[in-house]
Amino acid sequence: MAYTNSNIELASEIQNLKKEKNAVILAHYYQESEIQDIADFIGDSLELAKKAATTNADVIIFAGVHFMAETAKILNPNKKVVIPDLNAGCSLDESCPPNLFSEFKKSHPNHISVTYINCSAEVKALSDYICTSSNAEKIILSIPKDKEILFAPDKNLGKYLIKKTGRKMTLWEGSCIVHETFSEKKILELKFQNPNAKLIAHPECEESLLSYADFIGSTSSLLKYVGENNSNEFIVATESGIIHQMEKKVPHKKFIPAPPNENCACNQCPHMKLNTMEKLYLCMKKLSPEIVLSEELIEKASIPLKKMMQLS
């Protein structure tokens, strides 16, 4: 995205507010490029969780979606955590309401629940383990083989993990609206048009698409791969915001965003894109909207999160 005079002025004001309030800005790879560029730290869910757990700032400004800011609050109960737009949600989070997840667990009383971090604080509090796409395989393999596993809320990541680990799992039927929009037909056309390009994909994509991928990995793994692989062209099957960091890392390489089923911006997360520079500035100035969770919920949700951090 082009930088306007307005964005440059906002960036300067944001830097001033950051010093004034002793704040740190954490941003996900799927944020708009200008937000990524002003952040103190950018990363995927695991990297941001680690950074949130170790920051010395008084205020955490989380440029991401709601469940990520909640995670930062759970790991920092005594710090103020704010988010530019409180409505920045997640289709996976929304697909797994706490009351239905609780019933799901009760119907499988002898199972260990491993829940993808893309869920609410309430669902985290009901879970035995939390995982990200970066560490899910390791966490699944750490569970004794005689234990049965529930995996929620992403069925596509769950199917991928079943193949990778060989473990049988009962899956929650949730999915990411972005990663499910990629068109297998159109991606095959892209591969035909760009025969030297490697197809790289996030494991939240559907199984049929993953079967064509040259590399499958978490957002941070995809970024690392394009830097280390000898290929100079990549078709990127994940939210297109990551391409900004790929272009910064290896500017001489070509990155082609994987196309959705329709001619739309469906390879962009509508929730992530609710955050803007203007909203980032306002949330820093007002220290609002703030993430507020009860002490009881923080205590319960921190247990599986801390297990994840130890295993990572």
C-alpha atoms as a PDB file:
ATOM      1  CA  MET A   1       0.000   0.000   0.000  1.00  0.00           C
ATOM      2  CA  ALA A   2       1.326   3.468  -0.891  1.00  0.00           C
ATOM      3  CA  TYR A   3       2.342   5.707   1.981  1.00  0.00           C
ATOM      4  CA  THR A   4       0.397   8.995   2.034  1.00  0.00           C
ATOM      5  CA  ASN A   5       1.327  12.174   3.889  1.00  0.00           C
ATOM      6  CA  SER A   6      -1.468  11.306   6.305  1.00  0.00           C
ATOM      7  CA  ASN A   7       0.061   7.904   7.084  1.00  0.00           C
ATOM      8  CA  ILE A   8       3.512   9.440   7.552  1.00  0.00           C
ATOM      9  CA  GLU A   9       2.089  11.977  10.017  1.00  0.00           C
ATOM     10  CA  LEU A  10       0.174   9.231  11.827  1.00  0.00           C
ATOM     11  CA  ALA A  11       3.325   7.125  12.056  1.00  0.00           C
ATOM     12  CA  SER A  12       5.154  10.018  13.697  1.00  0.00           C
ATOM     13  CA  GLU A  13       2.331  10.566  16.195  1.00  0.00           C
ATOM     14  CA  ILE A  14       2.183   6.835  16.960  1.00  0.00           C
ATOM     15  CA  GLN A  15       5.917   6.783  17.694  1.00  0.00           C
ATOM     16  CA  ASN A  16       5.480   9.714  20.102  1.00  0.00           C
ATOM     17  CA  LEU A  17       2.582   8.013  21.877  1.00  0.00           C
ATOM     18  CA  LYS A  18       4.557   4.789  22.162  1.00  0.00           C
ATOM     19  CA  LYS A  19       7.301   6.588  24.135  1.00  0.00           C
ATOM     20  CA  GLU A  20       4.836   8.596  26.202  1.00  0.00           C
ATOM     21  CA  LYS A  21       2.867   5.529  27.321  1.00  0.00           C
ATOM     22  CA  ASN A  22       5.717   3.000  27.421  1.00  0.00           C
ATOM     23  CA  ALA A  23       3.825   0.887  24.912  1.00  0.00           C
ATOM     24  CA  VAL A  24       4.844  -1.906  22.576  1.00  0.00           C
ATOM     25  CA  ILE A  25       3.111  -2.558  19.251  1.00  0.00           C
ATOM     26  CA  LEU A  26       2.714  -6.221  18.294  1.00  0.00           C
ATOM     27  CA  ALA A  27       1.412  -6.891  14.783  1.00  0.00           C
ATOM     28  CA  HIS A  28       0.477 -10.029  12.909  1.00  0.00           C
ATOM     29  CA  TYR A  29       1.866 -10.745   9.436  1.00  0.00           C
ATOM     30  CA  TYR A  30      -1.645 -10.313   8.015  1.00  0.00           C
ATOM     31  CA  GLN A  31      -1.916  -6.637   8.966  1.00  0.00           C
ATOM     32  CA  GLU A  32      -1.700  -3.864   6.367  1.00  0.00           C
ATOM     33  CA  SER A  33       1.886  -3.137   5.333  1.00  0.00           C
ATOM     34  CA  GLU A  34       2.102   0.287   7.014  1.00  0.00           C
ATOM     35  CA  ILE A  35       1.043  -1.249  10.350  1.00  0.00           C
ATOM     36  CA  GLN A  36       3.630  -4.001   9.959  1.00  0.00           C
ATOM     37  CA  ASP A  37       6.302  -1.385   9.281  1.00  0.00           C
ATOM     38  CA  ILE A  38       5.584   0.651  12.413  1.00  0.00           C
ATOM     39  CA  ALA A  39       5.271  -2.340  14.759  1.00  0.00           C
ATOM     40  CA  ASP A  40       7.973  -3.149  17.299  1.00  0.00           C
ATOM     41  CA  PHE A  41       7.508  -6.818  16.592  1.00  0.00           C
ATOM     42  CA  ILE A  42       5.697  -8.761  13.884  1.00  0.00           C
ATOM     43  CA  GLY A  43       5.094 -12.474  13.803  1.00  0.00           C
ATOM     44  CA  ASP A  44       2.663 -15.369  13.651  1.00  0.00           C
ATOM     45  CA  SER A  45       0.498 -16.467  16.583  1.00  0.00           C
ATOM     46  CA  LEU A  46       3.274 -18.371  18.360  1.00  0.00           C
ATOM     47  CA  GLU A  47       5.902 -15.663  17.926  1.00  0.00           C
ATOM     48  CA  LEU A  48       3.491 -12.982  19.124  1.00  0.00           C
ATOM     49  CA  ALA A  49       2.466 -15.064  22.145  1.00  0.00           C
ATOM     50  CA  LYS A  50       6.130 -15.457  23.102  1.00  0.00           C
ATOM     51  CA  LYS A  51       6.766 -11.746  22.700  1.00  0.00           C
ATOM     52  CA  ALA A  52       3.661 -10.848  24.703  1.00  0.00           C
ATOM     53  CA  ALA A  53       4.889 -13.085  27.531  1.00  0.00           C
ATOM     54  CA  THR A  54       8.260 -11.322  27.793  1.00  0.00           C
ATOM     55  CA  THR A  55       7.584  -7.633  27.134  1.00  0.00           C
ATOM     56  CA  ASN A  56       8.568  -5.007  29.710  1.00  0.00           C
ATOM     57  CA  ALA A  57       6.131  -2.435  28.307  1.00  0.00           C
ATOM     58  CA  ASP A  58       3.281  -1.122  30.450  1.00  0.00           C
ATOM     59  CA  VAL A  59       0.851  -1.220  27.525  1.00  0.00           C
ATOM     60  CA  ILE A  60       0.490  -3.800  24.752  1.00  0.00           C
ATOM     61  CA  ILE A  61      -1.029  -2.512  21.528  1.00  0.00           C
ATOM     62  CA  PHE A  62      -2.112  -5.621  19.636  1.00  0.00           C
ATOM     63  CA  ALA A  63      -2.588  -5.062  15.915  1.00  0.00           C
ATOM     64  CA  GLY A  64      -4.252  -8.335  15.106  1.00  0.00           C
ATOM     65  CA  VAL A  65      -7.556  -9.999  15.892  1.00  0.00           C
ATOM     66  CA  HIS A  66      -9.465 -10.355  19.147  1.00  0.00           C
ATOM     67  CA  PHE A  67      -8.302 -13.832  20.199  1.00  0.00           C
ATOM     68  CA  MET A  68      -4.653 -12.745  19.807  1.00  0.00           C
ATOM     69  CA  ALA A  69      -5.148  -9.721  22.049  1.00  0.00           C
ATOM     70  CA  GLU A  70      -6.930 -11.958  24.570  1.00  0.00           C
ATOM     71  CA  THR A  71      -3.914 -14.287  24.550  1.00  0.00           C
ATOM     72  CA  ALA A  72      -1.640 -11.327  25.308  1.00  0.00           C
ATOM     73  CA  LYS A  73      -3.886 -10.361  28.233  1.00  0.00           C
ATOM     74  CA  ILE A  74      -3.936 -13.918  29.618  1.00  0.00           C
ATOM     75  CA  LEU A  75      -0.131 -13.965  29.549  1.00  0.00           C
ATOM     76  CA  ASN A  76       0.068 -10.425  31.002  1.00  0.00           C
ATOM     77  CA  PRO A  77      -2.830 -10.085  33.454  1.00  0.00           C
ATOM     78  CA  ASN A  78      -1.376  -6.957  35.082  1.00  0.00           C
ATOM     79  CA  LYS A  79      -0.741  -5.051  31.837  1.00  0.00           C
ATOM     80  CA  LYS A  80      -3.165  -3.000  29.810  1.00  0.00           C
ATOM     81  CA  VAL A  81      -3.879  -4.629  26.421  1.00  0.00           C
ATOM     82  CA  VAL A  82      -5.686  -2.658  23.713  1.00  0.00           C
ATOM     83  CA  ILE A  83      -6.675  -3.447  20.143  1.00  0.00           C
ATOM     84  CA  PRO A  84      -7.404  -0.979  17.302  1.00  0.00           C
ATOM     85  CA  ASP A  85     -10.803  -2.514  16.472  1.00  0.00           C
ATOM     86  CA  LEU A  86     -12.672  -4.679  18.970  1.00  0.00           C
ATOM     87  CA  ASN A  87     -14.708  -6.157  16.103  1.00  0.00           C
ATOM     88  CA  ALA A  88     -11.620  -7.735  14.524  1.00  0.00           C
ATOM     89  CA  GLY A  89     -12.672 -11.323  15.072  1.00  0.00           C
ATOM     90  CA  CYS A  90     -11.891 -14.696  13.488  1.00  0.00           C
ATOM     91  CA  SER A  91     -14.084 -17.171  11.621  1.00  0.00           C
ATOM     92  CA  LEU A  92     -12.460 -20.083  13.471  1.00  0.00           C
ATOM     93  CA  ASP A  93     -13.123 -18.459  16.839  1.00  0.00           C
ATOM     94  CA  GLU A  94     -16.734 -17.762  15.824  1.00  0.00           C
ATOM     95  CA  SER A  95     -17.221 -21.350  14.631  1.00  0.00           C
ATOM     96  CA  CYS A  96     -16.517 -22.728  18.106  1.00  0.00           C
ATOM     97  CA  PRO A  97     -18.805 -21.199  20.772  1.00  0.00           C
ATOM     98  CA  PRO A  98     -17.769 -22.111  24.356  1.00  0.00           C
ATOM     99  CA  ASN A  99     -21.096 -23.758  25.241  1.00  0.00           C
ATOM    100  CA  LEU A 100     -20.979 -26.078  22.212  1.00  0.00           C
ATOM    101  CA  PHE A 101     -17.303 -26.837  22.768  1.00  0.00           C
ATOM    102  CA  SER A 102     -18.091 -27.751  26.370  1.00  0.00           C
ATOM    103  CA  GLU A 103     -20.762 -30.203  25.156  1.00  0.00           C
ATOM    104  CA  PHE A 104     -18.279 -31.584  22.608  1.00  0.00           C
ATOM    105  CA  LYS A 105     -15.821 -32.320  25.412  1.00  0.00           C
ATOM    106  CA  LYS A 106     -18.490 -33.858  27.646  1.00  0.00           C
ATOM    107  CA  SER A 107     -19.495 -36.237  24.843  1.00  0.00           C
ATOM    108  CA  HIS A 108     -15.868 -37.472  24.669  1.00  0.00           C
ATOM    109  CA  PRO A 109     -14.930 -37.689  28.381  1.00  0.00           C
ATOM    110  CA  ASN A 110     -11.798 -39.802  27.920  1.00  0.00           C
ATOM    111  CA  HIS A 111     -10.208 -37.588  25.255  1.00  0.00           C
ATOM    112  CA  ILE A 112      -7.437 -35.007  25.574  1.00  0.00           C
ATOM    113  CA  SER A 113      -8.451 -31.711  23.939  1.00  0.00           C
ATOM    114  CA  VAL A 114      -5.887 -29.904  21.798  1.00  0.00           C
ATOM    115  CA  THR A 115      -7.233 -26.562  20.655  1.00  0.00           C
ATOM    116  CA  TYR A 116      -5.807 -24.287  17.977  1.00  0.00           C
ATOM    117  CA  ILE A 117      -4.967 -20.852  19.367  1.00  0.00           C
ATOM    118  CA  ASN A 118      -7.597 -19.323  17.013  1.00  0.00           C
ATOM    119  CA  CYS A 119     -10.309 -19.558  19.665  1.00  0.00           C
ATOM    120  CA  SER A 120     -11.802 -17.489  22.475  1.00  0.00           C
ATOM    121  CA  ALA A 121     -10.391 -17.214  25.992  1.00  0.00           C
ATOM    122  CA  GLU A 122     -13.410 -19.212  27.206  1.00  0.00           C
ATOM    123  CA  VAL A 123     -12.593 -22.113  24.874  1.00  0.00           C
ATOM    124  CA  LYS A 124      -8.933 -21.959  25.897  1.00  0.00           C
ATOM    125  CA  ALA A 125     -10.042 -22.276  29.518  1.00  0.00           C
ATOM    126  CA  LEU A 126     -11.895 -25.499  28.630  1.00  0.00           C
ATOM    127  CA  SER A 127      -8.921 -27.010  26.766  1.00  0.00           C
ATOM    128  CA  ASP A 128      -6.126 -29.319  27.896  1.00  0.00           C
ATOM    129  CA  TYR A 129      -3.569 -27.960  25.418  1.00  0.00           C
ATOM    130  CA  ILE A 130      -3.366 -24.944  23.122  1.00  0.00           C
ATOM    131  CA  CYS A 131      -1.310 -25.094  19.913  1.00  0.00           C
ATOM    132  CA  THR A 132      -0.411 -22.977  16.907  1.00  0.00           C
ATOM    133  CA  SER A 133       0.309 -24.187  13.383  1.00  0.00           C
ATOM    134  CA  SER A 134       4.014 -23.816  14.242  1.00  0.00           C
ATOM    135  CA  ASN A 135       3.994 -26.208  17.195  1.00  0.00           C
ATOM    136  CA  ALA A 136       0.862 -28.344  16.701  1.00  0.00           C
ATOM    137  CA  GLU A 137       2.743 -31.396  15.459  1.00  0.00           C
ATOM    138  CA  LYS A 138       5.124 -31.319  18.424  1.00  0.00           C
ATOM    139  CA  ILE A 139       2.277 -30.958  20.907  1.00  0.00           C
ATOM    140  CA  ILE A 140       0.241 -33.789  19.354  1.00  0.00           C
ATOM    141  CA  LEU A 141       3.285 -36.076  19.482  1.00  0.00           C
ATOM    142  CA  SER A 142       3.892 -35.206  23.148  1.00  0.00           C
ATOM    143  CA  ILE A 143       0.559 -36.778  24.150  1.00  0.00           C
ATOM    144  CA  PRO A 144       0.796 -40.460  25.153  1.00  0.00           C
ATOM    145  CA  LYS A 145      -0.312 -42.800  22.356  1.00  0.00           C
ATOM    146  CA  ASP A 146      -2.907 -44.467  24.544  1.00  0.00           C
ATOM    147  CA  LYS A 147      -4.787 -41.164  24.910  1.00  0.00           C
ATOM    148  CA  GLU A 148      -7.495 -40.213  22.413  1.00  0.00           C
ATOM    149  CA  ILE A 149      -7.455 -36.660  21.102  1.00  0.00           C
ATOM    150  CA  LEU A 150     -10.059 -34.018  20.294  1.00  0.00           C
ATOM    151  CA  PHE A 151      -8.837 -31.311  17.925  1.00  0.00           C
ATOM    152  CA  ALA A 152     -10.654 -27.993  17.453  1.00  0.00           C
ATOM    153  CA  PRO A 153     -11.636 -25.774  15.785  1.00  0.00           C
ATOM    154  CA  ASP A 154      -9.854 -26.124  12.388  1.00  0.00           C
ATOM    155  CA  LYS A 155     -10.769 -29.337  10.557  1.00  0.00           C
ATOM    156  CA  ASN A 156      -8.245 -28.688   7.757  1.00  0.00           C
ATOM    157  CA  LEU A 157      -5.313 -28.258  10.135  1.00  0.00           C
ATOM    158  CA  GLY A 158      -6.609 -31.306  12.005  1.00  0.00           C
ATOM    159  CA  LYS A 159      -6.646 -33.468   8.853  1.00  0.00           C
ATOM    160  CA  TYR A 160      -3.124 -32.296   8.012  1.00  0.00           C
ATOM    161  CA  LEU A 161      -1.923 -33.207  11.525  1.00  0.00           C
ATOM    162  CA  ILE A 162      -3.507 -36.658  11.340  1.00  0.00           C
ATOM    163  CA  LYS A 163      -1.428 -37.319   8.212  1.00  0.00           C
ATOM    164  CA  LYS A 164       1.733 -35.837   9.730  1.00  0.00           C
ATOM    165  CA  THR A 165       1.557 -37.548  13.121  1.00  0.00           C
ATOM    166  CA  GLY A 166      -0.361 -40.734  12.384  1.00  0.00           C
ATOM    167  CA  ARG A 167      -2.525 -40.012  15.431  1.00  0.00           C
ATOM    168  CA  LYS A 168      -6.257 -40.591  15.276  1.00  0.00           C
ATOM    169  CA  MET A 169      -8.186 -37.453  16.238  1.00  0.00           C
ATOM    170  CA  THR A 170     -11.826 -36.444  16.491  1.00  0.00           C
ATOM    171  CA  LEU A 171     -12.169 -33.111  14.713  1.00  0.00           C
ATOM    172  CA  TRP A 172     -14.352 -30.072  15.271  1.00  0.00           C
ATOM    173  CA  GLU A 173     -15.908 -28.949  11.969  1.00  0.00           C
ATOM    174  CA  GLY A 174     -14.531 -25.409  11.772  1.00  0.00           C
ATOM    175  CA  SER A 175     -12.520 -23.662   9.058  1.00  0.00           C
ATOM    176  CA  CYS A 176     -10.871 -20.364   8.131  1.00  0.00           C
ATOM    177  CA  ILE A 177     -12.879 -18.280   5.636  1.00  0.00           C
ATOM    178  CA  VAL A 178      -9.686 -17.090   3.917  1.00  0.00           C
ATOM    179  CA  HIS A 179      -7.928 -20.421   3.523  1.00  0.00           C
ATOM    180  CA  GLU A 180     -11.100 -22.140   2.314  1.00  0.00           C
ATOM    181  CA  THR A 181     -11.605 -19.638  -0.521  1.00  0.00           C
ATOM    182  CA  PHE A 182      -8.564 -20.649  -2.542  1.00  0.00           C
ATOM    183  CA  SER A 183      -9.586 -22.195  -5.834  1.00  0.00           C
ATOM    184  CA  GLU A 184      -7.872 -25.479  -6.689  1.00  0.00           C
ATOM    185  CA  LYS A 185      -8.663 -24.955 -10.381  1.00  0.00           C
ATOM    186  CA  LYS A 186      -7.257 -21.424 -10.472  1.00  0.00           C
ATOM    187  CA  ILE A 187      -4.133 -22.394  -8.560  1.00  0.00           C
ATOM    188  CA  LEU A 188      -3.462 -25.215 -11.027  1.00  0.00           C
ATOM    189  CA  GLU A 189      -3.839 -22.644 -13.815  1.00  0.00           C
ATOM    190  CA  LEU A 190      -1.312 -20.432 -12.009  1.00  0.00           C
ATOM    191  CA  LYS A 191       1.099 -23.365 -11.737  1.00  0.00           C
ATOM    192  CA  PHE A 192       0.707 -24.007 -15.475  1.00  0.00           C
ATOM    193  CA  GLN A 193       1.333 -20.329 -16.248  1.00  0.00           C
ATOM    194  CA  ASN A 194       4.314 -20.190 -13.852  1.00  0.00           C
ATOM    195  CA  PRO A 195       5.976 -23.616 -14.192  1.00  0.00           C
ATOM    196  CA  ASN A 196       9.034 -22.614 -12.156  1.00  0.00           C
ATOM    197  CA  ALA A 197       7.036 -21.298  -9.212  1.00  0.00           C
ATOM    198  CA  LYS A 198       6.824 -23.269  -5.961  1.00  0.00           C
ATOM    199  CA  LEU A 199       3.360 -23.528  -4.410  1.00  0.00           C
ATOM    200  CA  ILE A 200       3.613 -22.838  -0.683  1.00  0.00           C
ATOM    201  CA  ALA A 201       0.560 -23.213   1.557  1.00  0.00           C
ATOM    202  CA  HIS A 202      -0.666 -22.836   5.114  1.00  0.00           C
ATOM    203  CA  PRO A 203      -2.089 -26.059   6.636  1.00  0.00           C
ATOM    204  CA  GLU A 204      -5.440 -24.303   7.174  1.00  0.00           C
ATOM    205  CA  CYS A 205      -6.000 -24.773   3.414  1.00  0.00           C
ATOM    206  CA  GLU A 206      -8.194 -27.623   2.213  1.00  0.00           C
ATOM    207  CA  GLU A 207      -6.645 -31.067   1.832  1.00  0.00           C
ATOM    208  CA  SER A 208      -7.135 -31.125  -1.962  1.00  0.00           C
ATOM    209  CA  LEU A 209      -5.079 -27.948  -2.374  1.00  0.00           C
ATOM    210  CA  LEU A 210      -2.363 -29.079   0.045  1.00  0.00           C
ATOM    211  CA  SER A 211      -1.792 -32.159  -2.121  1.00  0.00           C
ATOM    212  CA  TYR A 212      -0.282 -29.887  -4.806  1.00  0.00           C
ATOM    213  CA  ALA A 213       1.913 -27.859  -2.446  1.00  0.00           C
ATOM    214  CA  ASP A 214       5.697 -27.946  -2.649  1.00  0.00           C
ATOM    215  CA  PHE A 215       5.876 -26.775   0.961  1.00  0.00           C
ATOM    216  CA  ILE A 216       3.311 -26.615   3.785  1.00  0.00           C
ATOM    217  CA  GLY A 217       3.948 -24.634   6.931  1.00  0.00           C
ATOM    218  CA  SER A 218       2.942 -21.959   9.414  1.00  0.00           C
ATOM    219  CA  THR A 219       3.121 -18.315   8.393  1.00  0.00           C
ATOM    220  CA  SER A 220       6.606 -17.904   9.866  1.00  0.00           C
ATOM    221  CA  SER A 221       7.730 -21.176   8.256  1.00  0.00           C
ATOM    222  CA  LEU A 222       6.565 -19.954   4.845  1.00  0.00           C
ATOM    223  CA  LEU A 223       8.542 -16.751   5.319  1.00  0.00           C
ATOM    224  CA  LYS A 224      11.642 -18.710   6.281  1.00  0.00           C
ATOM    225  CA  TYR A 225      11.219 -21.106   3.345  1.00  0.00           C
ATOM    226  CA  VAL A 226      11.147 -18.410   0.658  1.00  0.00           C
ATOM    227  CA  GLY A 227      14.380 -17.015   2.042  1.00  0.00           C
ATOM    228  CA  GLU A 228      16.188 -20.347   2.052  1.00  0.00           C
ATOM    229  CA  ASN A 229      14.793 -22.051  -1.066  1.00  0.00           C
ATOM    230  CA  ASN A 230      16.636 -21.665  -4.374  1.00  0.00           C
ATOM    231  CA  SER A 231      13.474 -20.930  -6.338  1.00  0.00           C
ATOM    232  CA  ASN A 232      12.853 -17.320  -7.397  1.00  0.00           C
ATOM    233  CA  GLU A 233       9.067 -17.627  -7.826  1.00  0.00           C
ATOM    234  CA  PHE A 234       6.396 -18.642  -5.340  1.00  0.00           C
ATOM    235  CA  ILE A 235       2.617 -19.011  -5.411  1.00  0.00           C
ATOM    236  CA  VAL A 236       1.523 -18.085  -1.888  1.00  0.00           C
ATOM    237  CA  ALA A 237      -1.594 -19.845  -0.566  1.00  0.00           C
ATOM    238  CA  THR A 238      -2.239 -17.974   2.651  1.00  0.00           C
ATOM    239  CA  GLU A 239      -3.449 -14.499   3.632  1.00  0.00           C
ATOM    240  CA  SER A 240      -1.738 -12.097   1.260  1.00  0.00           C
ATOM    241  CA  GLY A 241      -0.469  -9.782   4.023  1.00  0.00           C
ATOM    242  CA  ILE A 242       2.582 -12.026   4.477  1.00  0.00           C
ATOM    243  CA  ILE A 243       3.801 -11.120   0.980  1.00  0.00           C
ATOM    244  CA  HIS A 244       4.920  -7.705   2.285  1.00  0.00           C
ATOM    245  CA  GLN A 245       7.444  -9.402   4.580  1.00  0.00           C
ATOM    246  CA  MET A 246       8.490 -11.844   1.859  1.00  0.00           C
ATOM    247  CA  GLU A 247       9.226  -8.970  -0.509  1.00  0.00           C
ATOM    248  CA  LYS A 248      11.250  -7.221   2.191  1.00  0.00           C
ATOM    249  CA  LYS A 249      13.188 -10.400   2.985  1.00  0.00           C
ATOM    250  CA  VAL A 250      14.030 -11.354  -0.612  1.00  0.00           C
ATOM    251  CA  PRO A 251      13.133  -8.391  -2.870  1.00  0.00           C
ATOM    252  CA  HIS A 252      14.573 -10.032  -5.980  1.00  0.00           C
ATOM    253  CA  LYS A 253      12.060 -12.895  -5.820  1.00  0.00           C
ATOM    254  CA  LYS A 254       8.528 -12.983  -7.267  1.00  0.00           C
ATOM    255  CA  PHE A 255       5.469 -13.728  -5.110  1.00  0.00           C
ATOM    256  CA  ILE A 256       2.103 -14.556  -6.645  1.00  0.00           C
ATOM    257  CA  PRO A 257      -0.923 -14.470  -4.314  1.00  0.00           C
ATOM    258  CA  ALA A 258      -3.049 -17.593  -4.676  1.00  0.00           C
ATOM    259  CA  PRO A 259      -6.424 -16.727  -6.219  1.00  0.00           C
ATOM    260  CA  PRO A 260      -9.774 -17.288  -4.532  1.00  0.00           C
ATOM    261  CA  ASN A 261     -12.830 -18.810  -6.185  1.00  0.00           C
ATOM    262  CA  GLU A 262     -14.223 -15.430  -7.189  1.00  0.00           C
ATOM    263  CA  ASN A 263     -12.716 -12.201  -8.442  1.00  0.00           C
ATOM    264  CA  CYS A 264     -12.520 -10.569  -5.048  1.00  0.00           C
ATOM    265  CA  ALA A 265     -10.063  -9.748  -2.271  1.00  0.00           C
ATOM    266  CA  CYS A 266     -11.013 -13.016  -0.546  1.00  0.00           C
ATOM    267  CA  ASN A 267      -7.357 -13.903   0.028  1.00  0.00           C
ATOM    268  CA  GLN A 268      -7.338 -11.053   2.554  1.00  0.00           C
ATOM    269  CA  CYS A 269      -8.745 -11.580   6.041  1.00  0.00           C
ATOM    270  CA  PRO A 270     -11.610  -9.070   6.461  1.00  0.00           C
ATOM    271  CA  HIS A 271     -11.141  -9.161  10.244  1.00  0.00           C
ATOM    272  CA  MET A 272      -7.415  -8.385  10.118  1.00  0.00           C
ATOM    273  CA  LYS A 273      -8.049  -5.557   7.683  1.00  0.00           C
ATOM    274  CA  LEU A 274     -10.448  -3.819  10.104  1.00  0.00           C
ATOM    275  CA  ASN A 275      -7.348  -2.417  11.801  1.00  0.00           C
ATOM    276  CA  THR A 276      -6.055   0.783  10.213  1.00  0.00           C
ATOM    277  CA  MET A 277      -3.379   3.355  11.003  1.00  0.00           C
ATOM    278  CA  GLU A 278      -6.090   5.774  12.147  1.00  0.00           C
ATOM    279  CA  LYS A 279      -7.575   3.212  14.540  1.00  0.00           C
ATOM    280  CA  LEU A 280      -4.107   2.271  15.773  1.00  0.00           C
ATOM    281  CA  TYR A 281      -3.399   5.929  16.588  1.00  0.00           C
ATOM    282  CA  LEU A 282      -6.746   6.419  18.342  1.00  0.00           C
ATOM    283  CA  CYS A 283      -6.460   3.260  20.440  1.00  0.00           C
ATOM    284  CA  MET A 284      -2.991   4.366  21.597  1.00  0.00           C
ATOM    285  CA  LYS A 285      -4.184   7.889  22.414  1.00  0.00           C
ATOM    286  CA  LYS A 286      -7.283   6.726  24.320  1.00  0.00           C
ATOM    287  CA  LEU A 287      -5.901   3.325  25.476  1.00  0.00           C
ATOM    288  CA  SER A 288      -9.180   1.864  24.267  1.00  0.00           C
ATOM    289  CA  PRO A 289     -10.770  -0.528  23.280  1.00  0.00           C
ATOM    290  CA  GLU A 290      -9.231  -2.495  26.119  1.00  0.00           C
ATOM    291  CA  ILE A 291      -9.263  -6.275  26.501  1.00  0.00           C
ATOM    292  CA  VAL A 292     -10.897  -7.044  29.857  1.00  0.00           C
ATOM    293  CA  LEU A 293     -11.059 -10.603  31.206  1.00  0.00           C
ATOM    294  CA  SER A 294     -12.009 -11.874  34.646  1.00  0.00           C
ATOM    295  CA  GLU A 295      -9.281 -13.147  36.985  1.00  0.00           C
ATOM    296  CA  GLU A 296     -10.930 -16.585  37.029  1.00  0.00           C
ATOM    297  CA  LEU A 297     -10.979 -16.825  33.227  1.00  0.00           C
ATOM    298  CA  ILE A 298      -7.353 -15.683  32.963  1.00  0.00           C
ATOM    299  CA  GLU A 299      -6.279 -18.250  35.535  1.00  0.00           C
ATOM    300  CA  LYS A 300      -8.052 -21.124  33.768  1.00  0.00           C
ATOM    301  CA  ALA A 301      -7.013 -20.130  30.246  1.00  0.00           C
ATOM    302  CA  SER A 302      -3.383 -19.607  31.270  1.00  0.00           C
ATOM    303  CA  ILE A 303      -2.945 -23.299  32.184  1.00  0.00           C
ATOM    304  CA  PRO A 304      -3.102 -24.778  28.641  1.00  0.00           C
ATOM    305  CA  LEU A 305      -1.355 -21.698  27.207  1.00  0.00           C
ATOM    306  CA  LYS A 306       1.592 -22.090  29.572  1.00  0.00           C
ATOM    307  CA  LYS A 307       1.781 -25.804  28.663  1.00  0.00           C
ATOM    308  CA  MET A 308       2.103 -24.711  25.048  1.00  0.00           C
ATOM    309  CA  MET A 309       4.818 -22.189  25.867  1.00  0.00           C
ATOM    310  CA  GLN A 310       6.817 -24.806  27.784  1.00  0.00           C
ATOM    311  CA  LEU A 311       6.554 -27.327  24.952  1.00  0.00           C
ATOM    312  CA  SER A 312       7.562 -24.657  22.433  1.00  0.00           C
END
